[in-house]
Protein backbone atom coordinates (compact mmCIF):
# COMPACT_ATOMS: atom_id res chain seq x y z
CA MET A 1 114.92 90.33 82.15
CA ALA A 2 114.30 86.76 83.84
CA ILE A 3 111.57 87.41 86.44
CA GLN A 4 109.70 84.75 88.43
CA ALA A 5 108.02 86.75 91.29
CA LEU A 6 106.84 90.44 91.95
CA ILE A 7 106.89 91.84 95.49
CA PHE A 8 105.15 94.94 96.04
CA ASP A 9 105.30 97.94 98.33
CA VAL A 10 101.55 98.58 99.73
CA PHE A 11 101.01 101.87 101.27
CA GLY A 12 100.79 104.45 98.42
CA THR A 13 101.82 102.04 95.81
CA LEU A 14 98.77 99.64 95.80
CA VAL A 15 96.48 101.39 98.11
CA ASP A 16 95.40 104.96 98.64
CA TRP A 17 96.21 105.48 102.36
CA ARG A 18 95.99 109.40 102.80
CA THR A 19 92.26 109.69 101.15
CA SER A 20 90.83 106.61 102.60
CA ILE A 21 91.98 107.29 106.25
CA ILE A 22 90.69 110.82 106.00
CA ALA A 23 87.40 109.85 104.83
CA GLU A 24 86.94 107.18 107.41
CA LEU A 25 88.08 109.70 110.31
CA ARG A 26 85.87 112.64 108.99
CA ALA A 27 82.66 109.98 108.99
CA PHE A 28 83.87 108.96 112.31
CA GLY A 29 84.11 112.40 113.81
CA ALA A 30 81.01 113.47 112.11
CA GLU A 31 78.96 110.83 114.03
CA ARG A 32 80.67 112.08 117.55
CA GLY A 33 80.73 115.81 117.05
CA LEU A 34 84.24 116.12 116.14
CA ALA A 35 83.57 118.02 112.81
CA HIS A 36 85.81 120.66 113.94
CA VAL A 37 88.97 118.51 113.98
CA ASP A 38 91.61 118.99 111.12
CA TRP A 39 91.40 115.68 109.87
CA ASP A 40 93.72 116.37 106.80
CA GLY A 41 96.07 117.69 109.11
CA PHE A 42 96.09 114.81 111.58
CA VAL A 43 96.37 112.14 109.05
CA ASP A 44 99.59 113.96 107.25
CA ASP A 45 101.11 114.30 111.04
CA TRP A 46 100.19 110.60 111.66
CA ARG A 47 102.07 109.63 108.45
CA ALA A 48 105.08 111.64 109.13
CA ALA A 49 105.49 109.79 112.29
CA TYR A 50 105.68 106.64 110.75
CA VAL A 51 109.49 106.62 109.40
CA PRO A 52 110.72 108.15 112.88
CA ALA A 53 108.90 105.38 114.48
CA MET A 54 110.18 102.69 112.46
CA GLU A 55 113.56 104.17 112.80
CA ARG A 56 113.43 103.88 116.70
CA VAL A 57 113.00 100.16 116.15
CA ARG A 58 115.52 99.73 113.13
CA THR A 59 118.40 101.32 115.39
CA GLY A 60 117.62 99.28 118.48
CA GLU A 61 116.02 102.26 120.49
CA LEU A 62 112.88 100.05 120.79
CA PRO A 63 112.62 96.32 120.60
CA TRP A 64 110.89 94.83 117.69
CA THR A 65 107.34 96.61 117.59
CA ASN A 66 105.07 95.81 114.71
CA LEU A 67 103.59 98.53 112.65
CA ASP A 68 99.80 98.32 114.36
CA ALA A 69 101.62 99.09 117.68
CA LEU A 70 103.43 101.82 116.20
CA HIS A 71 100.62 103.42 114.63
CA ARG A 72 98.82 103.24 117.64
CA ALA A 73 101.44 105.03 120.22
CA SER A 74 101.67 107.82 117.22
CA PHE A 75 97.91 108.26 117.13
CA ASP A 76 97.80 108.49 121.07
CA GLU A 77 100.92 111.03 120.90
CA LEU A 78 98.91 113.18 118.44
CA ALA A 79 95.34 112.77 119.84
CA ASP A 80 95.73 115.57 122.85
CA ARG A 81 97.15 118.16 119.90
CA PHE A 82 94.17 117.87 117.84
CA GLY A 83 91.45 117.59 120.36
CA LEU A 84 90.90 113.79 120.50
CA HIS A 85 91.62 113.27 124.31
CA VAL A 86 87.76 112.80 124.66
CA LEU A 87 88.13 109.49 122.74
CA GLY A 88 88.02 106.30 124.94
CA GLU A 89 90.20 102.95 124.38
CA ARG A 90 87.52 101.20 121.98
CA GLU A 91 87.43 104.24 119.99
CA ARG A 92 91.13 104.93 119.74
CA ALA A 93 91.40 101.37 118.66
CA HIS A 94 88.83 101.62 115.69
CA CYS A 95 90.84 104.58 114.64
CA ALA A 96 94.05 103.12 114.79
CA PHE A 97 93.05 99.99 112.75
CA ALA A 98 91.81 102.20 109.83
CA TRP A 99 95.19 101.15 108.34
CA HIS A 100 93.26 97.82 107.62
CA ARG A 101 90.60 99.34 105.72
CA LEU A 102 92.36 101.30 102.70
CA ARG A 103 91.00 101.34 99.19
CA ALA A 104 92.92 100.27 96.17
CA TRP A 105 93.90 102.57 93.38
CA PRO A 106 91.63 101.91 90.54
CA GLU A 107 93.39 99.85 88.43
CA VAL A 108 95.13 97.78 90.97
CA PRO A 109 92.66 94.83 91.54
CA ALA A 110 92.28 93.91 87.96
CA ALA A 111 96.12 94.46 87.17
CA LEU A 112 97.03 92.17 89.82
CA ASP A 113 95.04 89.44 88.47
CA ARG A 114 96.58 89.80 84.99
CA LEU A 115 100.01 89.56 86.71
CA ARG A 116 99.28 86.58 88.85
CA ARG A 117 98.75 84.64 85.69
CA ARG A 118 102.39 84.67 84.65
CA TYR A 119 104.08 85.36 88.02
CA VAL A 120 104.03 84.62 91.90
CA LEU A 121 103.00 87.91 93.57
CA ALA A 122 103.41 89.14 97.32
CA PRO A 123 103.25 92.12 99.11
CA LEU A 124 106.74 93.22 100.64
CA SER A 125 105.61 95.75 103.30
CA ASN A 126 106.45 97.21 106.74
CA GLY A 127 102.83 96.34 107.64
CA ASN A 128 102.59 93.24 109.79
CA VAL A 129 100.98 90.20 108.60
CA SER A 130 97.41 90.61 110.27
CA LEU A 131 97.17 94.00 108.93
CA LEU A 132 98.17 93.00 105.27
CA ILE A 133 95.63 89.83 105.41
CA ASP A 134 93.00 92.33 106.59
CA LEU A 135 94.16 95.06 103.67
CA ALA A 136 94.27 92.21 101.05
CA ARG A 137 90.77 91.06 101.58
CA TYR A 138 89.51 94.61 101.86
CA ALA A 139 90.68 96.07 98.82
CA ASP A 140 90.59 92.81 96.79
CA LEU A 141 94.15 92.52 96.59
CA ARG A 142 94.87 88.95 95.34
CA PHE A 143 98.42 87.65 96.42
CA ASP A 144 99.93 84.26 96.26
CA THR A 145 101.35 84.76 99.73
CA ILE A 146 101.90 87.54 102.42
CA LEU A 147 105.30 88.65 102.84
CA SER A 148 106.02 91.16 105.82
CA ALA A 149 108.74 93.15 107.71
CA GLU A 150 107.45 91.32 110.70
CA LEU A 151 108.60 87.99 109.59
CA PHE A 152 112.11 89.14 109.50
CA HIS A 153 111.85 91.59 112.52
CA HIS A 154 113.25 94.32 110.44
CA TYR A 155 111.82 97.30 108.62
CA LYS A 156 112.54 98.40 104.93
CA PRO A 157 115.05 99.42 104.07
CA ASP A 158 117.16 96.82 105.83
CA PRO A 159 118.55 94.24 103.54
CA GLN A 160 116.85 91.48 105.57
CA THR A 161 113.55 92.31 104.40
CA TYR A 162 114.49 92.13 100.52
CA LEU A 163 116.67 89.10 100.46
CA GLY A 164 114.35 87.45 103.07
CA ALA A 165 111.58 87.77 100.77
CA ALA A 166 113.66 86.23 97.88
CA GLU A 167 114.81 83.48 99.98
CA LEU A 168 111.05 82.57 101.00
CA LEU A 169 109.80 82.38 97.68
CA GLY A 170 112.65 80.27 96.72
CA VAL A 171 113.79 82.86 93.92
CA PRO A 172 117.37 84.47 93.35
CA PRO A 173 117.21 88.26 93.88
CA SER A 174 118.00 88.72 90.38
CA ASP A 175 114.58 87.05 89.47
CA VAL A 176 112.54 89.31 91.75
CA LEU A 177 110.89 92.49 90.61
CA MET A 178 110.36 94.87 93.41
CA VAL A 179 107.52 97.12 92.40
CA ALA A 180 106.79 100.70 94.40
CA ALA A 181 106.02 104.24 94.06
CA HIS A 182 109.01 105.21 96.18
CA ASN A 183 112.17 105.71 94.83
CA GLY A 184 114.17 105.08 97.94
CA ASP A 185 112.53 101.75 98.52
CA LEU A 186 113.67 100.56 94.90
CA HIS A 187 117.37 101.67 95.21
CA ALA A 188 117.55 99.62 98.36
CA ALA A 189 116.16 96.51 96.79
CA ALA A 190 118.41 97.18 93.37
CA SER A 191 121.36 97.54 95.77
CA LEU A 192 120.70 93.88 96.71
CA GLY A 193 120.20 92.45 93.17
CA LEU A 194 116.64 92.64 92.83
CA LYS A 195 114.97 94.22 89.77
CA THR A 196 112.85 97.51 89.97
CA ALA A 197 109.74 99.12 88.68
CA PHE A 198 108.45 102.57 89.70
CA LEU A 199 105.03 103.59 89.22
CA PRO A 200 104.21 107.34 90.23
CA ARG A 201 101.30 107.97 92.80
CA PRO A 202 101.26 111.97 92.52
CA GLY A 203 98.44 112.03 95.03
CA GLU A 204 99.79 109.95 97.61
CA TYR A 205 100.62 112.52 99.99
CA GLY A 206 98.03 115.13 98.63
CA PRO A 207 98.05 117.95 96.58
CA ARG A 208 101.63 119.27 97.88
CA GLN A 209 103.33 116.12 97.05
CA SER A 210 106.82 116.99 95.54
CA ASN A 211 108.76 113.88 95.67
CA ASP A 212 108.44 110.78 93.94
CA LEU A 213 106.91 112.10 91.08
CA THR A 214 108.63 110.39 88.34
CA ALA A 215 111.24 107.40 88.41
CA ASP A 216 114.99 107.94 88.97
CA THR A 217 117.64 106.86 86.65
CA GLY A 218 118.50 103.24 86.85
CA ILE A 219 115.08 101.93 87.71
CA ASP A 220 114.39 98.91 85.01
CA TYR A 221 110.63 99.56 84.20
CA PRO A 222 109.57 103.07 84.95
CA VAL A 223 105.67 102.82 84.09
CA ARG A 224 102.66 104.82 84.27
CA ASP A 225 100.68 102.45 86.51
CA LEU A 226 100.14 98.85 87.13
CA ASP A 227 98.38 98.17 83.76
CA ASP A 228 101.36 99.49 82.20
CA LEU A 229 103.71 97.38 83.86
CA ALA A 230 101.45 94.39 83.12
CA ASP A 231 101.61 95.44 79.59
CA ARG A 232 105.32 95.73 79.56
CA LEU A 233 105.67 92.30 81.38
CA GLY A 234 103.41 90.66 78.63
CA ALA A 235 100.61 89.78 81.32
């Protein structure tokens, strides 16, 4: 297959958002006498608000709003329910920016370096540009450029994101490989002519995860992890 560029989903695919945020908020809470808070439940509910919040933007109910602002709004909506009403503005802002400080899955930094020797690499994430820059630096994710839904004012799976990424890279959609741990993301990309690679992250949503455990039929590269993909692509 002719492939010139790889674009990556980030949250869940390259970084372990759930474990990272739970660990950070637990430490934050312990320092402030909030050890009683159900941080696992808070983070799960916070993530559950992600898609509905973006859907309000996608349907026009909200004007374009970047992911940092959506995360902050959903944090505030959950705060009272989880006993976080005592937090001030500075503390809330710090917590909401936990999404800028996520750890990569173990094989990711080295595998990206392998792939980058042969291909152009970029994230294609619903995260805003400043979030992705911070995350790339924090987690040592070495890309050639940063591509974000924010550039197109459309969230995935809107077609403008995938096609816009290919256009900015100067590469036909058929020569772009979308890499994700989420079959839905890949189906949207494939419908527009992009090639697809699925790698499972069975711990992304915690021990009760029941979806995206295996690649759906039709995925071009069902792989074990990013190292396996680099092997398959000869990097």
